[in-house]
Every structure is written in structure tokens, then in C-alpha cells.
Amino acid sequence: MARKRYSDEDALRLLREIDVHLHDGLDVVSACRKAGISDKTYYYWRKKFGGMGRPQLVEMRALQRALLRHWSERQWRVRMIG
């Protein structure tokens, strides 16, 4: 089976969809199968995103970009000095 990459938004949408299936009484494997992902992926996403919603996802991305920018500037300074 080919791997498919999901955006973070898609992952959050699928997590919400699976939560609805679980609330309706399906087990995790069946709910994941219905959503088109493996249960391993479900557990990974649940660990990664927790109870995160769209606003928290936007904030997390902004922090990641700021950290990357800071790291890049630091690497540039190290190369220029040394």
C-alpha cells in the first residue's frame, strides 16, 4: 500500500471524524478503517496533536517557523565568525 502524506489540517479533520465514529460505538480499528488510515497512524496523530484545534495548530506552526529562523541565523553567524 502506498504511503499518503496528510497535512496537519487533514490529520485533525480525520481525528475528529474518528472521534465521532468512536462515540457512535465503533472500535478504533473499524473507525480508522472507515476514515482510511491505520490505527498506528491514529495513535501517532493523537499523541502528536492531542486535543489541539486549528488555533493551536496555527500557533505551533508559527513557533516552529520562529525557531527555524532563529536556528538559521545562529548557524549563519557561526559560519561568519569561524
N, C-alpha and C. Protein backbone atom coordinates (compact mmCIF):
# COMPACT_ATOMS: atom_id res chain seq x y z
N MET A 1 0.83 -1.17 0.00
CA MET A 1 0.00 0.00 0.00
C MET A 1 0.88 1.24 0.00
N ALA A 2 0.56 2.18 -0.87
CA ALA A 2 1.36 3.40 -0.98
C ALA A 2 1.11 4.32 0.20
N ARG A 3 2.17 4.98 0.61
CA ARG A 3 2.04 5.93 1.71
C ARG A 3 1.43 7.22 1.19
N LYS A 4 0.59 7.80 1.99
CA LYS A 4 -0.01 9.09 1.65
C LYS A 4 0.34 10.06 2.75
N ARG A 5 0.76 11.24 2.37
CA ARG A 5 1.07 12.26 3.36
C ARG A 5 -0.15 13.15 3.54
N TYR A 6 -0.51 13.35 4.76
CA TYR A 6 -1.64 14.21 5.09
C TYR A 6 -1.12 15.50 5.69
N SER A 7 -1.79 16.60 5.36
CA SER A 7 -1.45 17.87 6.00
C SER A 7 -1.91 17.80 7.45
N ASP A 8 -1.41 18.71 8.26
CA ASP A 8 -1.82 18.73 9.66
C ASP A 8 -3.32 18.99 9.79
N GLU A 9 -3.85 19.84 8.90
CA GLU A 9 -5.29 20.11 8.93
C GLU A 9 -6.09 18.85 8.61
N ASP A 10 -5.62 18.09 7.61
CA ASP A 10 -6.29 16.83 7.26
C ASP A 10 -6.25 15.85 8.43
N ALA A 11 -5.10 15.79 9.09
CA ALA A 11 -4.97 14.89 10.24
C ALA A 11 -5.95 15.26 11.34
N LEU A 12 -6.07 16.55 11.63
CA LEU A 12 -7.02 17.00 12.65
C LEU A 12 -8.46 16.68 12.25
N ARG A 13 -8.77 16.87 10.96
CA ARG A 13 -10.12 16.57 10.47
C ARG A 13 -10.42 15.08 10.62
N LEU A 14 -9.46 14.24 10.26
CA LEU A 14 -9.66 12.79 10.38
C LEU A 14 -9.75 12.36 11.84
N LEU A 15 -8.97 12.99 12.71
CA LEU A 15 -9.07 12.67 14.14
C LEU A 15 -10.47 12.98 14.67
N ARG A 16 -11.02 14.12 14.25
CA ARG A 16 -12.39 14.47 14.67
C ARG A 16 -13.40 13.47 14.11
N GLU A 17 -13.20 13.08 12.85
CA GLU A 17 -14.10 12.10 12.22
C GLU A 17 -14.05 10.76 12.96
N ILE A 18 -12.86 10.34 13.32
CA ILE A 18 -12.71 9.07 14.05
C ILE A 18 -13.34 9.18 15.43
N ASP A 19 -13.19 10.33 16.07
CA ASP A 19 -13.82 10.52 17.38
C ASP A 19 -15.34 10.36 17.30
N VAL A 20 -15.93 10.85 16.21
CA VAL A 20 -17.38 10.69 16.01
C VAL A 20 -17.72 9.21 15.88
N HIS A 21 -16.93 8.48 15.08
CA HIS A 21 -17.16 7.04 14.91
C HIS A 21 -17.02 6.30 16.24
N LEU A 22 -16.02 6.70 17.03
CA LEU A 22 -15.83 6.05 18.33
C LEU A 22 -17.00 6.34 19.25
N HIS A 23 -17.49 7.57 19.20
CA HIS A 23 -18.64 7.94 20.02
C HIS A 23 -19.90 7.16 19.61
N ASP A 24 -19.97 6.83 18.32
CA ASP A 24 -21.11 6.05 17.81
C ASP A 24 -21.01 4.57 18.15
N GLY A 25 -19.89 4.16 18.76
CA GLY A 25 -19.76 2.79 19.22
C GLY A 25 -18.81 1.90 18.44
N LEU A 26 -18.15 2.44 17.41
CA LEU A 26 -17.18 1.63 16.68
C LEU A 26 -15.91 1.48 17.50
N ASP A 27 -15.18 0.39 17.25
CA ASP A 27 -13.87 0.24 17.89
C ASP A 27 -12.84 1.03 17.06
N VAL A 28 -11.65 1.21 17.61
CA VAL A 28 -10.63 2.05 16.98
C VAL A 28 -10.26 1.54 15.59
N VAL A 29 -10.04 0.24 15.46
CA VAL A 29 -9.62 -0.31 14.17
C VAL A 29 -10.68 -0.05 13.10
N SER A 30 -11.94 -0.29 13.43
CA SER A 30 -13.02 -0.07 12.46
C SER A 30 -13.18 1.40 12.12
N ALA A 31 -13.07 2.26 13.11
CA ALA A 31 -13.20 3.70 12.87
C ALA A 31 -12.06 4.20 11.98
N CYS A 32 -10.85 3.71 12.23
CA CYS A 32 -9.71 4.10 11.41
C CYS A 32 -9.85 3.58 9.98
N ARG A 33 -10.30 2.36 9.85
CA ARG A 33 -10.51 1.79 8.52
C ARG A 33 -11.53 2.61 7.74
N LYS A 34 -12.59 3.02 8.43
CA LYS A 34 -13.63 3.83 7.79
C LYS A 34 -13.07 5.19 7.35
N ALA A 35 -12.13 5.73 8.12
CA ALA A 35 -11.51 7.02 7.79
C ALA A 35 -10.38 6.87 6.77
N GLY A 36 -9.93 5.64 6.54
CA GLY A 36 -8.90 5.40 5.54
C GLY A 36 -7.47 5.49 6.04
N ILE A 37 -7.29 5.34 7.35
CA ILE A 37 -5.93 5.34 7.91
C ILE A 37 -5.75 4.12 8.80
N SER A 38 -4.51 3.84 9.16
CA SER A 38 -4.24 2.71 10.05
C SER A 38 -4.42 3.15 11.50
N ASP A 39 -4.61 2.18 12.36
CA ASP A 39 -4.73 2.52 13.78
C ASP A 39 -3.40 3.05 14.32
N LYS A 40 -2.29 2.60 13.73
CA LYS A 40 -0.97 3.10 14.14
C LYS A 40 -0.87 4.60 13.85
N THR A 41 -1.34 5.00 12.67
CA THR A 41 -1.35 6.42 12.31
C THR A 41 -2.24 7.21 13.26
N TYR A 42 -3.39 6.65 13.59
CA TYR A 42 -4.32 7.31 14.52
C TYR A 42 -3.64 7.59 15.86
N TYR A 43 -2.99 6.57 16.41
CA TYR A 43 -2.34 6.75 17.71
C TYR A 43 -1.18 7.74 17.63
N TYR A 44 -0.45 7.73 16.52
CA TYR A 44 0.64 8.68 16.33
C TYR A 44 0.09 10.10 16.30
N TRP A 45 -0.96 10.33 15.50
CA TRP A 45 -1.56 11.66 15.40
C TRP A 45 -2.15 12.11 16.73
N ARG A 46 -2.78 11.18 17.42
CA ARG A 46 -3.38 11.53 18.71
C ARG A 46 -2.30 11.98 19.69
N LYS A 47 -1.14 11.32 19.64
CA LYS A 47 -0.03 11.71 20.51
C LYS A 47 0.55 13.05 20.06
N LYS A 48 0.68 13.24 18.76
CA LYS A 48 1.28 14.47 18.23
C LYS A 48 0.38 15.69 18.43
N PHE A 49 -0.91 15.54 18.14
CA PHE A 49 -1.81 16.69 18.17
C PHE A 49 -2.63 16.79 19.45
N GLY A 50 -2.75 15.71 20.19
CA GLY A 50 -3.52 15.74 21.43
C GLY A 50 -4.89 16.34 21.24
N GLY A 51 -5.27 17.28 22.05
CA GLY A 51 -6.57 17.93 21.92
C GLY A 51 -6.48 19.22 21.14
N MET A 52 -5.52 19.29 20.25
CA MET A 52 -5.25 20.52 19.52
C MET A 52 -6.35 20.82 18.51
N GLY A 53 -6.70 22.07 18.42
CA GLY A 53 -7.62 22.54 17.40
C GLY A 53 -6.87 23.41 16.41
N ARG A 54 -7.58 24.01 15.50
CA ARG A 54 -6.97 24.84 14.47
C ARG A 54 -6.15 26.00 15.05
N PRO A 55 -6.67 26.74 16.05
CA PRO A 55 -5.87 27.86 16.58
C PRO A 55 -4.53 27.40 17.18
N GLN A 56 -4.55 26.28 17.88
CA GLN A 56 -3.30 25.78 18.47
C GLN A 56 -2.34 25.31 17.38
N LEU A 57 -2.89 24.74 16.30
CA LEU A 57 -2.05 24.29 15.20
C LEU A 57 -1.36 25.48 14.54
N VAL A 58 -2.09 26.56 14.33
CA VAL A 58 -1.51 27.77 13.74
C VAL A 58 -0.41 28.32 14.64
N GLU A 59 -0.65 28.34 15.95
CA GLU A 59 0.35 28.82 16.89
C GLU A 59 1.59 27.92 16.89
N MET A 60 1.39 26.60 16.84
CA MET A 60 2.51 25.67 16.82
C MET A 60 3.37 25.89 15.58
N ARG A 61 2.74 26.09 14.43
CA ARG A 61 3.50 26.33 13.20
C ARG A 61 4.28 27.63 13.28
N ALA A 62 3.69 28.67 13.84
CA ALA A 62 4.38 29.95 13.97
C ALA A 62 5.61 29.80 14.86
N LEU A 63 5.47 29.06 15.94
CA LEU A 63 6.61 28.82 16.84
C LEU A 63 7.69 28.00 16.15
N GLN A 64 7.29 27.02 15.35
CA GLN A 64 8.28 26.21 14.62
C GLN A 64 9.04 27.07 13.62
N ARG A 65 8.32 27.95 12.91
CA ARG A 65 8.98 28.84 11.95
C ARG A 65 9.95 29.79 12.66
N ALA A 66 9.54 30.34 13.80
CA ALA A 66 10.40 31.24 14.55
C ALA A 66 11.65 30.52 15.03
N LEU A 67 11.48 29.30 15.50
CA LEU A 67 12.62 28.52 15.96
C LEU A 67 13.58 28.22 14.80
N LEU A 68 13.04 27.85 13.65
CA LEU A 68 13.87 27.57 12.48
C LEU A 68 14.62 28.82 12.04
N ARG A 69 13.93 29.96 12.04
CA ARG A 69 14.57 31.22 11.65
C ARG A 69 15.71 31.56 12.61
N HIS A 70 15.47 31.41 13.90
CA HIS A 70 16.49 31.68 14.92
C HIS A 70 17.69 30.75 14.73
N TRP A 71 17.42 29.47 14.51
CA TRP A 71 18.49 28.50 14.33
C TRP A 71 19.30 28.83 13.08
N SER A 72 18.61 29.20 11.98
CA SER A 72 19.31 29.53 10.73
C SER A 72 20.21 30.75 10.91
N GLU A 73 19.69 31.77 11.59
CA GLU A 73 20.50 32.97 11.83
C GLU A 73 21.72 32.64 12.69
N ARG A 74 21.55 31.80 13.66
CA ARG A 74 22.66 31.40 14.53
C ARG A 74 23.72 30.64 13.73
N GLN A 75 23.29 29.73 12.87
CA GLN A 75 24.23 28.98 12.05
C GLN A 75 25.00 29.91 11.11
N TRP A 76 24.31 30.90 10.57
CA TRP A 76 24.95 31.85 9.68
C TRP A 76 26.02 32.63 10.43
N ARG A 77 25.70 33.08 11.66
CA ARG A 77 26.67 33.83 12.47
C ARG A 77 27.89 32.97 12.81
N VAL A 78 27.66 31.72 13.13
CA VAL A 78 28.77 30.82 13.46
C VAL A 78 29.69 30.66 12.26
N ARG A 79 29.13 30.52 11.06
CA ARG A 79 29.95 30.38 9.86
C ARG A 79 30.72 31.66 9.55
N MET A 80 30.11 32.82 9.80
CA MET A 80 30.77 34.09 9.51
C MET A 80 31.92 34.36 10.47
N ILE A 81 31.76 33.96 11.72
CA ILE A 81 32.79 34.19 12.73
C ILE A 81 33.93 33.20 12.57
N GLY A 82 33.54 31.97 12.32
CA GLY A 82 34.53 31.00 12.47
C GLY A 82 35.08 30.17 11.47
